[in-house]
Amino acid sequence: MRKWAAPICLIGGLQELIWIASWEIGPFRENTVYFLALMLGAFLLCIWGFAKLAVPNRAAASLIIAFGFLFRLTVLPELPYQSEDVYRYIWDARVAAEGISPYKYPPEAPELERLRDEAIYPMINSKPYITAYPPLSQALFRFSRTMFGESLTGMKAIFSMFEFCALLIVWGLLSALGQNFRSLLLIAWNPLFIFEFSQSGHSDSVMIFMILLSLYLLQRGRKIPALLGYSGAVLSKLHPALWLPLYVRCAGWKAVIPGMIAGGALAYSFFDLGGVLRYLSSLRLYYRLFEFNAGIHYLLRGIGQACFQQSWDKITGPFLAAALIGITLVIWRKFPVRSTQDVLHAGFWIMTADLCLSTTVHPWYLSWAALALPFFPYAFMLYWTGAVFLSYAAYAYHPVYEPWWALVLEYIPMYGLMAWEICRGGPLLATVSESRPQRRKDR
């Protein structure tokens, strides 16, 4: 056996045991301590692998990818204990199969009463609100229903496949950019990506895939296909719309316009004017009424309560949105956008600002920025992808309650590392992954 294979197999085998063990602890919300211990173990093995493993060539990278596939396959059939989102995907597809737009009525509407059952409907969250999932996601929900019926595993398999294909694109981009294949570990073995997309089945994986595909095509000089991919990212999750000026600066309007036309055509097939207005209204309520695992928002709320005896829960949102727009404008103007890496770096910081200023930060949201970790291994983001699992401690309480210690352990070290890396002008972990993969025969 080649000398690099045994350590990869050792650490990969240990992580596989953790994913197998996740089958044995039952519903995670009723066994929070064991769940968090397993996720911490998987995260530490990911860090250990990134720090110690040699990944000198494509064969070693293939072994890393193979273990990543095994981890995802292991958890795919599990029930999505920590999230109900996949049930909403199935519901939206059920509504669409009846010839009704999922943007027309919320699940609790009397017009949809005949579609309710005892398996899917009770598991849906946010029943008073119209779906928040954009057109491309809706098309994939319908595709899953056509292929697999109302199977949870089938729906999860589609979004797990997109995330795994995104990993393959990362591999191709690392090769094209001459970066060390060791950085693959930051996604391939990171429990955030494995758990949130293969165990929980979140649709954000489509956005990750589309963004990375667009960057890969941009790297190869195929600007119009790249912008079509970017359009798909926006139509699966709206947040990448903030990247548009970056693509304009890098690829030019001639490439951007076909992507916008294609995206508009797909959106038109799903929306009428009334549907657009209902959808935007639903999104507005989401940002005003929902809060979970927020950092700056909770800090401002605490200041309002402690210093002014006022609840600022419902008024911080507009100010945080204004701050996000301001930061985004600065990034658009100040960051260099001369290459694919520049676009990804600027986009990383836009998404990071989006997460920091959001009133709701579910763990899988971190993937919007963490997709850049193999190329820009910022320690604060890597730490955050592990520490964010602490937010699931809230579900151990009935009713749900977010313990202060989880927020402190998640956010104080994360912001400390972020400040350090901003001051030093680059990722702390860059030296671990900066060298080019070797192109020699193994001895």
Protein backbone atom coordinates (compact mmCIF):
# COMPACT_ATOMS: atom_id res chain seq x y z
CA MET A 1 0.00 0.00 0.00
CA ARG A 2 1.32 3.45 -0.86
CA LYS A 3 2.48 5.39 2.17
CA TRP A 4 -0.25 8.06 1.89
CA ALA A 5 -3.10 5.51 1.74
CA ALA A 6 -2.89 4.05 5.24
CA PRO A 7 -3.34 7.34 7.15
CA ILE A 8 -6.25 8.32 4.89
CA CYS A 9 -7.90 4.96 5.48
CA LEU A 10 -7.32 5.22 9.24
CA ILE A 11 -8.89 8.66 9.70
CA GLY A 12 -11.58 7.98 7.10
CA GLY A 13 -12.43 4.67 8.77
CA LEU A 14 -12.77 6.35 12.16
CA GLN A 15 -15.13 8.96 10.74
CA GLU A 16 -17.19 6.26 9.03
CA LEU A 17 -17.64 4.61 12.45
CA ILE A 18 -19.08 7.89 13.72
CA TRP A 19 -21.63 8.04 10.91
CA ILE A 20 -22.56 4.41 11.54
CA ALA A 21 -22.96 5.21 15.24
CA SER A 22 -25.40 8.01 14.37
CA TRP A 23 -27.87 5.27 13.42
CA GLU A 24 -27.83 3.94 16.98
CA ILE A 25 -28.73 7.01 19.03
CA GLY A 26 -32.30 7.43 17.79
CA PRO A 27 -34.03 10.81 17.37
CA PHE A 28 -31.30 13.40 17.72
CA ARG A 29 -33.49 15.97 19.48
CA GLU A 30 -34.07 13.49 22.29
CA ASN A 31 -30.38 12.56 22.49
CA THR A 32 -28.70 15.93 22.03
CA VAL A 33 -25.56 15.21 24.07
CA TYR A 34 -24.76 12.10 22.05
CA PHE A 35 -25.54 13.87 18.79
CA LEU A 36 -23.27 16.81 19.57
CA ALA A 37 -20.51 14.45 20.71
CA LEU A 38 -20.65 12.59 17.38
CA MET A 39 -20.60 15.81 15.35
CA LEU A 40 -17.67 17.13 17.39
CA GLY A 41 -15.82 13.86 16.83
CA ALA A 42 -16.42 13.99 13.07
CA PHE A 43 -15.32 17.64 12.95
CA LEU A 44 -12.10 16.95 14.87
CA LEU A 45 -11.29 14.08 12.52
CA CYS A 46 -11.81 16.45 9.58
CA ILE A 47 -9.40 18.95 11.15
CA TRP A 48 -6.90 16.21 11.95
CA GLY A 49 -7.01 14.99 8.39
CA PHE A 50 -6.56 18.48 6.97
CA ALA A 51 -3.58 19.14 9.25
CA LYS A 52 -1.80 15.80 8.94
CA LEU A 53 -2.76 13.89 5.80
CA ALA A 54 -0.62 13.94 2.70
CA VAL A 55 -2.68 14.18 -0.48
CA PRO A 56 0.12 14.29 -3.08
CA ASN A 57 -1.69 13.22 -6.24
CA ARG A 58 -4.99 12.41 -7.92
CA ALA A 59 -5.04 8.87 -6.56
CA ALA A 60 -4.92 10.16 -2.98
CA ALA A 61 -7.58 12.75 -3.81
CA SER A 62 -9.74 9.97 -5.26
CA LEU A 63 -9.50 8.09 -1.97
CA ILE A 64 -10.56 11.23 -0.07
CA ILE A 65 -13.54 11.57 -2.42
CA ALA A 66 -14.41 7.87 -2.08
CA PHE A 67 -14.59 8.16 1.70
CA GLY A 68 -16.68 11.32 1.33
CA PHE A 69 -19.12 9.40 -0.85
CA LEU A 70 -19.23 6.56 1.70
CA PHE A 71 -20.05 8.97 4.54
CA ARG A 72 -22.91 10.49 2.55
CA LEU A 73 -24.27 7.12 1.52
CA THR A 74 -24.22 5.94 5.14
CA VAL A 75 -26.46 8.72 6.45
CA LEU A 76 -28.73 9.09 3.42
CA PRO A 77 -31.45 6.61 4.55
CA GLU A 78 -31.71 8.13 8.06
CA LEU A 79 -34.75 10.19 8.99
CA PRO A 80 -34.10 13.97 8.91
CA TYR A 81 -34.36 14.32 12.67
CA GLN A 82 -33.05 17.90 12.97
CA SER A 83 -35.02 19.56 10.16
CA GLU A 84 -38.50 19.35 8.67
CA ASP A 85 -37.62 21.12 5.42
CA VAL A 86 -37.71 17.99 3.28
CA TYR A 87 -41.36 17.50 4.26
CA ARG A 88 -42.12 20.96 2.87
CA TYR A 89 -40.40 19.98 -0.39
CA ILE A 90 -42.68 16.96 -0.68
CA TRP A 91 -45.72 19.09 0.17
CA ASP A 92 -44.88 21.69 -2.49
CA ALA A 93 -44.50 18.92 -5.07
CA ARG A 94 -47.84 17.42 -4.00
CA VAL A 95 -49.58 20.78 -4.42
CA ALA A 96 -47.97 21.29 -7.84
CA ALA A 97 -49.02 17.80 -8.94
CA GLU A 98 -52.64 18.90 -8.41
CA GLY A 99 -52.13 21.78 -10.84
CA ILE A 100 -51.97 24.39 -8.06
CA SER A 101 -49.06 26.79 -7.76
CA PRO A 102 -47.26 26.33 -4.40
CA TYR A 103 -46.96 30.11 -4.36
CA LYS A 104 -50.74 30.54 -4.26
CA TYR A 105 -51.78 29.11 -0.90
CA PRO A 106 -50.02 28.34 2.40
CA PRO A 107 -50.36 24.73 3.63
CA GLU A 108 -53.01 25.60 6.21
CA ALA A 109 -55.27 27.26 3.62
CA PRO A 110 -58.73 25.65 3.42
CA GLU A 111 -58.29 25.31 -0.36
CA LEU A 112 -55.62 22.65 0.30
CA GLU A 113 -57.44 20.74 3.03
CA ARG A 114 -58.09 17.74 0.77
CA LEU A 115 -54.31 17.28 0.29
CA ARG A 116 -53.53 16.86 3.98
CA ASP A 117 -52.51 13.51 5.38
CA GLU A 118 -51.09 12.04 8.58
CA ALA A 119 -47.54 11.49 7.32
CA ILE A 120 -46.35 14.67 5.59
CA TYR A 121 -48.65 17.53 6.58
CA PRO A 122 -48.13 17.36 10.39
CA MET A 123 -44.35 17.56 9.87
CA ILE A 124 -44.44 20.79 7.86
CA ASN A 125 -43.23 23.91 9.62
CA SER A 126 -44.41 27.47 8.89
CA LYS A 127 -47.84 26.29 7.78
CA PRO A 128 -49.28 29.85 7.69
CA TYR A 129 -46.70 30.97 5.12
CA ILE A 130 -46.37 30.49 1.38
CA THR A 131 -43.32 28.52 0.34
CA ALA A 132 -39.98 30.38 0.30
CA TYR A 133 -38.31 28.12 -2.28
CA PRO A 134 -37.54 29.66 -5.70
CA PRO A 135 -38.49 28.14 -9.09
CA LEU A 136 -35.48 25.89 -9.75
CA SER A 137 -35.89 24.27 -6.35
CA GLN A 138 -39.59 23.77 -7.08
CA ALA A 139 -38.75 22.09 -10.39
CA LEU A 140 -36.48 19.65 -8.54
CA PHE A 141 -39.16 18.93 -5.96
CA ARG A 142 -41.47 17.94 -8.82
CA PHE A 143 -38.73 15.88 -10.45
CA SER A 144 -38.24 13.95 -7.21
CA ARG A 145 -41.96 13.21 -6.98
CA THR A 146 -41.93 11.94 -10.57
CA MET A 147 -38.90 9.71 -9.95
CA PHE A 148 -39.42 8.53 -6.36
CA GLY A 149 -42.98 9.40 -5.36
CA GLU A 150 -43.19 10.95 -1.90
CA SER A 151 -40.05 9.23 -0.64
CA LEU A 152 -37.99 11.11 1.94
CA THR A 153 -34.88 9.22 0.91
CA GLY A 154 -35.51 9.92 -2.76
CA MET A 155 -35.89 13.65 -2.15
CA LYS A 156 -32.77 13.70 0.02
CA ALA A 157 -30.83 11.71 -2.58
CA ILE A 158 -31.34 14.43 -5.18
CA PHE A 159 -29.91 17.18 -2.98
CA SER A 160 -27.17 14.92 -1.68
CA MET A 161 -26.20 14.23 -5.30
CA PHE A 162 -25.94 17.96 -6.05
CA GLU A 163 -23.68 18.48 -3.04
CA PHE A 164 -21.45 15.55 -3.99
CA CYS A 165 -21.22 16.81 -7.58
CA ALA A 166 -20.22 20.20 -6.15
CA LEU A 167 -17.38 18.39 -4.39
CA LEU A 168 -16.23 16.96 -7.70
CA ILE A 169 -16.23 20.46 -9.20
CA VAL A 170 -14.09 21.67 -6.28
CA TRP A 171 -11.63 18.91 -7.17
CA GLY A 172 -11.53 20.09 -10.77
CA LEU A 173 -11.08 23.73 -9.77
CA LEU A 174 -8.28 22.91 -7.34
CA SER A 175 -6.51 21.07 -10.14
CA ALA A 176 -7.02 23.92 -12.61
CA LEU A 177 -5.76 26.49 -10.10
CA GLY A 178 -2.76 24.39 -9.03
CA GLN A 179 -3.80 24.13 -5.38
CA ASN A 180 -3.16 21.27 -3.00
CA PHE A 181 -5.78 18.53 -3.06
CA ARG A 182 -5.64 18.38 0.74
CA SER A 183 -8.15 21.23 0.78
CA LEU A 184 -10.79 18.80 -0.49
CA LEU A 185 -11.05 17.56 3.09
CA LEU A 186 -12.62 20.85 4.18
CA ILE A 187 -15.78 19.91 2.29
CA ALA A 188 -15.50 16.17 1.62
CA TRP A 189 -15.07 15.22 5.28
CA ASN A 190 -16.66 18.25 6.92
CA PRO A 191 -19.68 17.03 8.95
CA LEU A 192 -21.61 20.22 8.12
CA PHE A 193 -21.82 19.24 4.44
CA ILE A 194 -22.34 15.54 5.11
CA PHE A 195 -25.05 16.00 7.72
CA GLU A 196 -26.98 18.92 6.27
CA PHE A 197 -27.23 17.66 2.69
CA SER A 198 -27.22 13.86 2.93
CA GLN A 199 -28.84 13.33 6.32
CA SER A 200 -31.17 16.36 6.30
CA GLY A 201 -31.52 16.82 2.53
CA HIS A 202 -31.44 20.62 2.30
CA SER A 203 -31.96 22.15 -1.13
CA ASP A 204 -29.16 24.73 -0.67
CA SER A 205 -26.87 22.14 -2.26
CA VAL A 206 -28.27 23.15 -5.66
CA MET A 207 -27.06 26.71 -5.12
CA ILE A 208 -23.62 25.44 -4.07
CA PHE A 209 -23.39 23.26 -7.16
CA MET A 210 -24.53 26.01 -9.51
CA ILE A 211 -22.15 28.63 -8.09
CA LEU A 212 -19.17 26.28 -8.29
CA LEU A 213 -20.16 25.12 -11.77
CA SER A 214 -20.38 28.73 -12.94
CA LEU A 215 -16.93 29.45 -11.52
CA TYR A 216 -15.48 26.33 -13.14
CA LEU A 217 -16.90 27.38 -16.51
CA LEU A 218 -15.66 30.93 -15.97
CA GLN A 219 -12.19 29.56 -15.25
CA ARG A 220 -12.29 27.75 -18.60
CA GLY A 221 -13.30 30.93 -20.43
CA ARG A 222 -16.90 29.85 -21.12
CA LYS A 223 -18.56 33.03 -19.96
CA ILE A 224 -22.12 32.59 -21.22
CA PRO A 225 -22.53 29.02 -19.83
CA ALA A 226 -20.97 30.31 -16.61
CA LEU A 227 -23.64 33.00 -16.31
CA LEU A 228 -26.37 30.45 -17.06
CA GLY A 229 -25.03 28.46 -14.11
CA TYR A 230 -25.04 31.57 -11.95
CA SER A 231 -28.65 32.24 -12.95
CA GLY A 232 -29.50 28.72 -11.78
CA ALA A 233 -27.89 29.46 -8.42
CA VAL A 234 -30.10 32.52 -7.91
CA LEU A 235 -33.21 30.58 -8.95
CA SER A 236 -32.46 27.92 -6.36
CA LYS A 237 -31.57 30.33 -3.53
CA LEU A 238 -31.98 34.09 -3.83
CA HIS A 239 -28.92 35.15 -1.82
CA PRO A 240 -26.34 34.77 -4.65
CA ALA A 241 -28.11 37.65 -6.42
CA LEU A 242 -25.72 39.81 -4.40
CA TRP A 243 -22.88 38.43 -6.56
CA LEU A 244 -24.25 39.90 -9.81
CA PRO A 245 -21.94 42.94 -10.02
CA LEU A 246 -18.96 40.63 -9.47
CA TYR A 247 -19.94 38.58 -12.52
CA VAL A 248 -20.56 41.74 -14.53
CA ARG A 249 -17.10 43.05 -13.70
CA CYS A 250 -15.43 39.73 -14.48
CA ALA A 251 -17.42 38.46 -17.48
CA GLY A 252 -19.09 41.57 -18.89
CA TRP A 253 -22.72 42.36 -19.73
CA LYS A 254 -22.65 40.37 -22.98
CA ALA A 255 -22.30 37.18 -20.94
CA VAL A 256 -24.64 38.30 -18.15
CA ILE A 257 -27.67 39.16 -20.31
CA PRO A 258 -28.29 35.59 -21.69
CA GLY A 259 -28.18 34.25 -18.14
CA MET A 260 -30.70 36.85 -16.97
CA ILE A 261 -33.01 36.06 -19.88
CA ALA A 262 -32.87 32.32 -19.17
CA GLY A 263 -33.51 32.92 -15.47
CA GLY A 264 -36.40 35.23 -16.23
CA ALA A 265 -37.97 32.64 -18.53
CA LEU A 266 -37.86 29.97 -15.82
CA ALA A 267 -39.26 32.36 -13.22
CA TYR A 268 -42.05 33.40 -15.61
CA SER A 269 -43.13 29.77 -15.97
CA PHE A 270 -43.78 29.64 -12.21
CA PHE A 271 -45.06 33.13 -11.37
CA ASP A 272 -47.90 35.38 -12.32
CA LEU A 273 -48.03 38.91 -10.89
CA GLY A 274 -50.13 37.79 -7.93
CA GLY A 275 -47.73 34.94 -7.22
CA VAL A 276 -44.76 37.30 -7.21
CA LEU A 277 -46.47 39.63 -4.75
CA ARG A 278 -47.50 36.77 -2.44
CA TYR A 279 -43.99 35.30 -2.58
CA LEU A 280 -42.31 38.62 -1.75
CA SER A 281 -44.78 39.20 1.07
CA SER A 282 -43.99 35.79 2.51
CA LEU A 283 -40.24 36.48 2.35
CA ARG A 284 -40.75 39.83 4.08
CA LEU A 285 -42.62 38.17 6.94
CA TYR A 286 -39.91 35.53 7.19
CA TYR A 287 -37.20 38.13 7.74
CA ARG A 288 -39.31 40.12 10.17
CA LEU A 289 -40.77 37.35 12.32
CA PHE A 290 -38.22 34.53 12.41
CA GLU A 291 -35.02 34.47 14.44
CA PHE A 292 -32.65 31.66 15.34
CA ASN A 293 -28.96 31.36 16.20
CA ALA A 294 -28.24 34.97 15.28
CA GLY A 295 -25.09 36.76 16.40
CA ILE A 296 -25.21 40.52 15.89
CA HIS A 297 -29.02 40.57 15.94
CA TYR A 298 -29.08 38.94 19.37
CA LEU A 299 -26.37 41.33 20.60
CA LEU A 300 -28.43 44.35 19.52
CA ARG A 301 -31.54 42.83 21.06
CA GLY A 302 -29.69 42.39 24.35
CA ILE A 303 -28.46 46.00 24.28
CA GLY A 304 -32.01 47.22 23.72
CA GLN A 305 -33.33 45.23 26.64
CA ALA A 306 -30.48 46.02 29.04
CA CYS A 307 -29.94 49.71 28.26
CA PHE A 308 -33.29 50.96 27.02
CA GLN A 309 -35.79 48.43 28.41
CA GLN A 310 -37.11 47.93 24.90
CA SER A 311 -37.53 44.87 22.74
CA TRP A 312 -35.75 45.44 19.45
CA ASP A 313 -36.62 42.02 18.03
CA LYS A 314 -38.73 43.34 15.16
CA ILE A 315 -36.82 46.53 14.33
CA THR A 316 -33.22 45.37 13.89
CA GLY A 317 -33.94 43.58 10.60
CA PRO A 318 -34.15 46.69 8.37
CA PHE A 319 -30.99 48.15 9.91
CA LEU A 320 -29.09 44.90 9.47
CA ALA A 321 -30.29 44.69 5.86
CA ALA A 322 -29.06 48.25 5.27
CA ALA A 323 -25.69 47.32 6.78
CA LEU A 324 -25.49 44.29 4.47
CA ILE A 325 -26.16 46.48 1.44
CA GLY A 326 -23.48 48.91 2.57
CA ILE A 327 -20.88 46.17 3.09
CA THR A 328 -21.80 44.59 -0.23
CA LEU A 329 -21.33 47.92 -2.02
CA VAL A 330 -17.86 48.25 -0.49
CA ILE A 331 -16.93 44.73 -1.61
CA TRP A 332 -18.25 45.39 -5.13
CA ARG A 333 -16.09 48.50 -5.41
CA LYS A 334 -12.95 47.60 -3.49
CA PHE A 335 -12.29 43.91 -4.06
CA PRO A 336 -10.30 43.01 -7.18
CA VAL A 337 -12.30 40.90 -9.65
CA ARG A 338 -9.74 39.91 -12.25
CA SER A 339 -10.08 36.13 -12.04
CA THR A 340 -12.29 33.27 -10.95
CA GLN A 341 -10.58 33.21 -7.57
CA ASP A 342 -11.25 36.91 -7.12
CA VAL A 343 -14.96 36.42 -7.80
CA LEU A 344 -15.09 33.56 -5.30
CA HIS A 345 -13.17 35.51 -2.66
CA ALA A 346 -15.42 38.56 -2.95
CA GLY A 347 -18.50 36.33 -2.97
CA PHE A 348 -17.25 34.56 0.14
CA TRP A 349 -17.13 37.82 2.06
CA ILE A 350 -20.54 38.93 0.78
CA MET A 351 -22.07 35.66 1.98
CA THR A 352 -20.20 35.90 5.28
CA ALA A 353 -21.62 39.38 5.84
CA ASP A 354 -25.07 38.05 4.94
CA LEU A 355 -24.75 35.34 7.60
CA CYS A 356 -23.35 37.66 10.27
CA LEU A 357 -26.16 40.19 9.79
CA SER A 358 -29.01 37.72 9.46
CA THR A 359 -31.69 37.25 12.10
CA THR A 360 -31.81 33.53 11.31
CA VAL A 361 -28.71 31.36 10.87
CA HIS A 362 -29.60 27.71 10.52
CA PRO A 363 -26.49 25.51 10.32
CA TRP A 364 -26.86 24.68 6.62
CA TYR A 365 -26.86 28.39 5.76
CA LEU A 366 -23.13 28.43 6.45
CA SER A 367 -22.60 26.43 3.27
CA TRP A 368 -23.30 29.62 1.27
CA ALA A 369 -19.87 30.91 2.34
CA ALA A 370 -18.14 27.69 3.41
CA LEU A 371 -18.20 26.44 -0.19
CA ALA A 372 -15.08 28.64 -0.63
CA LEU A 373 -13.10 26.96 2.19
CA PRO A 374 -10.99 24.72 -0.10
CA PHE A 375 -9.73 27.82 -1.90
CA PHE A 376 -9.65 30.28 1.01
CA PRO A 377 -9.20 28.28 4.24
CA TYR A 378 -10.22 30.92 6.74
CA ALA A 379 -9.94 29.56 10.26
CA PHE A 380 -12.99 31.48 11.48
CA MET A 381 -15.25 29.88 8.87
CA LEU A 382 -13.84 26.42 9.47
CA TYR A 383 -14.41 26.85 13.21
CA TRP A 384 -17.94 28.11 12.55
CA THR A 385 -18.85 25.03 10.47
CA GLY A 386 -18.12 22.90 13.53
CA ALA A 387 -19.39 25.20 16.29
CA VAL A 388 -22.71 25.85 14.52
CA PHE A 389 -23.86 22.36 15.53
CA LEU A 390 -24.21 23.78 19.07
CA SER A 391 -27.31 25.61 17.83
CA TYR A 392 -29.07 22.24 17.76
CA ALA A 393 -28.90 22.24 21.57
CA ALA A 394 -31.97 24.49 21.39
CA TYR A 395 -34.08 21.53 20.28
CA ALA A 396 -33.30 19.66 23.49
CA TYR A 397 -35.65 22.06 25.29
CA HIS A 398 -39.44 21.94 25.13
CA PRO A 399 -40.39 24.53 24.03
CA VAL A 400 -37.34 25.35 21.97
CA TYR A 401 -34.87 27.52 23.86
CA GLU A 402 -31.43 28.72 22.79
CA PRO A 403 -28.98 28.38 25.71
CA TRP A 404 -26.59 31.29 26.19
CA TRP A 405 -23.53 29.05 26.50
CA ALA A 406 -24.07 27.62 23.01
CA LEU A 407 -24.19 31.10 21.48
CA VAL A 408 -21.08 32.19 23.41
CA LEU A 409 -19.07 29.13 22.35
CA GLU A 410 -20.18 29.54 18.74
CA TYR A 411 -19.75 33.26 18.21
CA ILE A 412 -17.01 34.67 20.45
CA PRO A 413 -14.18 32.45 19.11
CA MET A 414 -15.54 32.81 15.57
CA TYR A 415 -15.50 36.61 15.65
CA GLY A 416 -12.11 36.59 17.37
CA LEU A 417 -10.62 34.47 14.58
CA MET A 418 -12.33 36.62 11.94
CA ALA A 419 -10.84 39.80 13.40
CA TRP A 420 -7.39 38.19 13.51
CA GLU A 421 -7.58 37.07 9.88
CA ILE A 422 -8.89 40.42 8.67
CA CYS A 423 -6.03 42.20 10.45
CA ARG A 424 -3.40 39.86 9.02
CA GLY A 425 -4.92 40.13 5.54
CA GLY A 426 -5.51 36.46 4.79
CA PRO A 427 -6.49 32.98 6.03
CA LEU A 428 -4.56 31.54 8.96
CA LEU A 429 -4.69 28.07 7.39
CA ALA A 430 -3.38 29.08 3.97
CA THR A 431 0.08 27.63 4.61
CA VAL A 432 -1.43 24.18 5.11
CA SER A 433 -2.93 24.08 1.62
CA GLU A 434 -0.96 26.51 -0.51
CA SER A 435 1.47 24.19 -2.32
CA ARG A 436 0.70 22.66 -5.69
CA PRO A 437 -0.14 18.92 -5.75
CA GLN A 438 2.86 16.91 -6.79
CA ARG A 439 2.90 15.30 -10.25
CA ARG A 440 5.29 12.41 -9.72
CA LYS A 441 5.04 8.67 -9.54
CA ASP A 442 4.56 7.21 -6.08
CA ARG A 443 7.40 5.14 -4.74
